[in-house]
Amino acid sequence: MAELLGTSKKTISSYEQGYRNIPIYVERQIYFLISRRKNIASKIKACWEVKHCDEKIRAKCPAMEFDLGHMCWFISGTFCNQCRTD
């Protein structure tokens, strides 16, 4: 895990034992790695389907542009209030 996240084993151990809080960017990397490993992306609905986003909003949303509605939480600049990352 340390190698995948580009950090030390000691840092991972500190996260696991609760000595250090896991930074948001590390959490996002972990979620990304898990989603790729389990190949769950194909089973998740796109955020614009779940949130029933207006077509005008969809057209400007980076998640729609890159067809990553299942990973809108990972994309900066989305327009979804629940998934907004910027």
C-alpha atoms as a PDB file:
ATOM      1  CA  MET A   1       0.000   0.000   0.000  1.00  0.00           C
ATOM      2  CA  ALA A   2       2.813   2.388   0.853  1.00  0.00           C
ATOM      3  CA  GLU A   3       4.393   1.846  -2.541  1.00  0.00           C
ATOM      4  CA  LEU A   4       1.081   2.429  -4.365  1.00  0.00           C
ATOM      5  CA  LEU A   5       0.488   5.663  -2.456  1.00  0.00           C
ATOM      6  CA  GLY A   6       4.090   6.840  -2.763  1.00  0.00           C
ATOM      7  CA  THR A   7       4.656   7.032   0.964  1.00  0.00           C
ATOM      8  CA  SER A   8       6.511   5.111   3.668  1.00  0.00           C
ATOM      9  CA  LYS A   9       5.401   1.992   5.519  1.00  0.00           C
ATOM     10  CA  LYS A  10       5.666   3.965   8.741  1.00  0.00           C
ATOM     11  CA  THR A  11       3.177   6.541   7.450  1.00  0.00           C
ATOM     12  CA  ILE A  12       0.701   3.787   6.552  1.00  0.00           C
ATOM     13  CA  SER A  13       1.188   2.265   9.984  1.00  0.00           C
ATOM     14  CA  SER A  14       0.478   5.655  11.574  1.00  0.00           C
ATOM     15  CA  TYR A  15      -2.772   5.914   9.582  1.00  0.00           C
ATOM     16  CA  GLU A  16      -3.812   2.402  10.599  1.00  0.00           C
ATOM     17  CA  GLN A  17      -3.074   2.957  14.275  1.00  0.00           C
ATOM     18  CA  GLY A  18      -4.788   6.341  14.366  1.00  0.00           C
ATOM     19  CA  TYR A  19      -1.677   8.373  15.170  1.00  0.00           C
ATOM     20  CA  ARG A  20      -2.150  10.433  12.001  1.00  0.00           C
ATOM     21  CA  ASN A  21      -5.286  11.443  10.156  1.00  0.00           C
ATOM     22  CA  ILE A  22      -5.471  10.243   6.574  1.00  0.00           C
ATOM     23  CA  PRO A  23      -5.314  13.274   4.267  1.00  0.00           C
ATOM     24  CA  ILE A  24      -8.181  13.701   1.814  1.00  0.00           C
ATOM     25  CA  TYR A  25      -5.932  13.245  -1.212  1.00  0.00           C
ATOM     26  CA  VAL A  26      -4.740   9.884   0.175  1.00  0.00           C
ATOM     27  CA  GLU A  27      -8.335   8.775   0.815  1.00  0.00           C
ATOM     28  CA  ARG A  28      -9.212   9.616  -2.766  1.00  0.00           C
ATOM     29  CA  GLN A  29      -6.231   7.646  -4.061  1.00  0.00           C
ATOM     30  CA  ILE A  30      -7.270   4.643  -1.963  1.00  0.00           C
ATOM     31  CA  TYR A  31     -10.870   4.814  -3.226  1.00  0.00           C
ATOM     32  CA  PHE A  32      -9.570   5.041  -6.767  1.00  0.00           C
ATOM     33  CA  LEU A  33      -7.306   2.011  -6.314  1.00  0.00           C
ATOM     34  CA  ILE A  34     -10.107  -0.021  -4.735  1.00  0.00           C
ATOM     35  CA  SER A  35     -12.519   0.860  -7.525  1.00  0.00           C
ATOM     36  CA  ARG A  36      -9.992  -0.217 -10.150  1.00  0.00           C
ATOM     37  CA  ARG A  37      -9.122  -3.426  -8.318  1.00  0.00           C
ATOM     38  CA  LYS A  38     -12.679  -4.637  -7.882  1.00  0.00           C
ATOM     39  CA  ASN A  39     -13.839  -3.304 -11.251  1.00  0.00           C
ATOM     40  CA  ILE A  40     -16.973  -1.877  -9.655  1.00  0.00           C
ATOM     41  CA  ALA A  41     -17.121   1.107 -11.984  1.00  0.00           C
ATOM     42  CA  SER A  42     -19.349  -0.693 -14.470  1.00  0.00           C
ATOM     43  CA  LYS A  43     -21.942  -1.373 -11.743  1.00  0.00           C
ATOM     44  CA  ILE A  44     -22.236   2.216 -10.487  1.00  0.00           C
ATOM     45  CA  LYS A  45     -24.733   4.640 -12.019  1.00  0.00           C
ATOM     46  CA  ALA A  46     -23.401   7.941 -13.285  1.00  0.00           C
ATOM     47  CA  CYS A  47     -23.892  10.837 -10.880  1.00  0.00           C
ATOM     48  CA  TRP A  48     -25.990  12.773 -13.421  1.00  0.00           C
ATOM     49  CA  GLU A  49     -28.429   9.849 -13.558  1.00  0.00           C
ATOM     50  CA  VAL A  50     -28.710   9.662  -9.785  1.00  0.00           C
ATOM     51  CA  LYS A  51     -28.963  13.452  -9.292  1.00  0.00           C
ATOM     52  CA  HIS A  52     -31.121  14.034 -12.419  1.00  0.00           C
ATOM     53  CA  CYS A  53     -28.861  16.878 -13.535  1.00  0.00           C
ATOM     54  CA  ASP A  54     -30.119  19.385 -16.074  1.00  0.00           C
ATOM     55  CA  GLU A  55     -28.703  19.003 -19.599  1.00  0.00           C
ATOM     56  CA  LYS A  56     -27.056  22.468 -19.407  1.00  0.00           C
ATOM     57  CA  ILE A  57     -25.196  21.477 -16.253  1.00  0.00           C
ATOM     58  CA  ARG A  58     -24.176  18.126 -17.731  1.00  0.00           C
ATOM     59  CA  ALA A  59     -22.717  19.803 -20.801  1.00  0.00           C
ATOM     60  CA  LYS A  60     -20.303  21.834 -18.648  1.00  0.00           C
ATOM     61  CA  CYS A  61     -19.437  19.158 -16.097  1.00  0.00           C
ATOM     62  CA  PRO A  62     -15.967  17.578 -16.364  1.00  0.00           C
ATOM     63  CA  ALA A  63     -17.345  14.232 -15.167  1.00  0.00           C
ATOM     64  CA  MET A  64     -19.677  14.168 -18.178  1.00  0.00           C
ATOM     65  CA  GLU A  65     -16.977  15.362 -20.563  1.00  0.00           C
ATOM     66  CA  PHE A  66     -14.729  12.434 -19.660  1.00  0.00           C
ATOM     67  CA  ASP A  67     -17.630   9.994 -19.104  1.00  0.00           C
ATOM     68  CA  LEU A  68     -16.657   9.483 -15.477  1.00  0.00           C
ATOM     69  CA  GLY A  69     -20.011   9.924 -13.756  1.00  0.00           C
ATOM     70  CA  HIS A  70     -19.270   6.880 -11.622  1.00  0.00           C
ATOM     71  CA  MET A  71     -16.171   8.681 -10.324  1.00  0.00           C
ATOM     72  CA  CYS A  72     -17.364  12.284 -10.029  1.00  0.00           C
ATOM     73  CA  TRP A  73     -15.937  12.384  -6.489  1.00  0.00           C
ATOM     74  CA  PHE A  74     -12.495  12.007  -8.064  1.00  0.00           C
ATOM     75  CA  ILE A  75     -12.866  14.752 -10.671  1.00  0.00           C
ATOM     76  CA  SER A  76     -12.112  18.370  -9.767  1.00  0.00           C
ATOM     77  CA  GLY A  77     -14.586  21.018 -10.879  1.00  0.00           C
ATOM     78  CA  THR A  78     -17.791  18.963 -10.939  1.00  0.00           C
ATOM     79  CA  PHE A  79     -21.087  20.792 -10.516  1.00  0.00           C
ATOM     80  CA  CYS A  80     -22.757  18.241  -8.246  1.00  0.00           C
ATOM     81  CA  ASN A  81     -23.188  19.733  -4.771  1.00  0.00           C
ATOM     82  CA  GLN A  82     -22.759  16.322  -3.161  1.00  0.00           C
ATOM     83  CA  CYS A  83     -19.654  15.415  -5.132  1.00  0.00           C
ATOM     84  CA  ARG A  84     -18.068  18.819  -5.561  1.00  0.00           C
ATOM     85  CA  THR A  85     -14.305  18.526  -5.167  1.00  0.00           C
ATOM     86  CA  ASP A  86     -13.019  22.051  -5.739  1.00  0.00           C
END
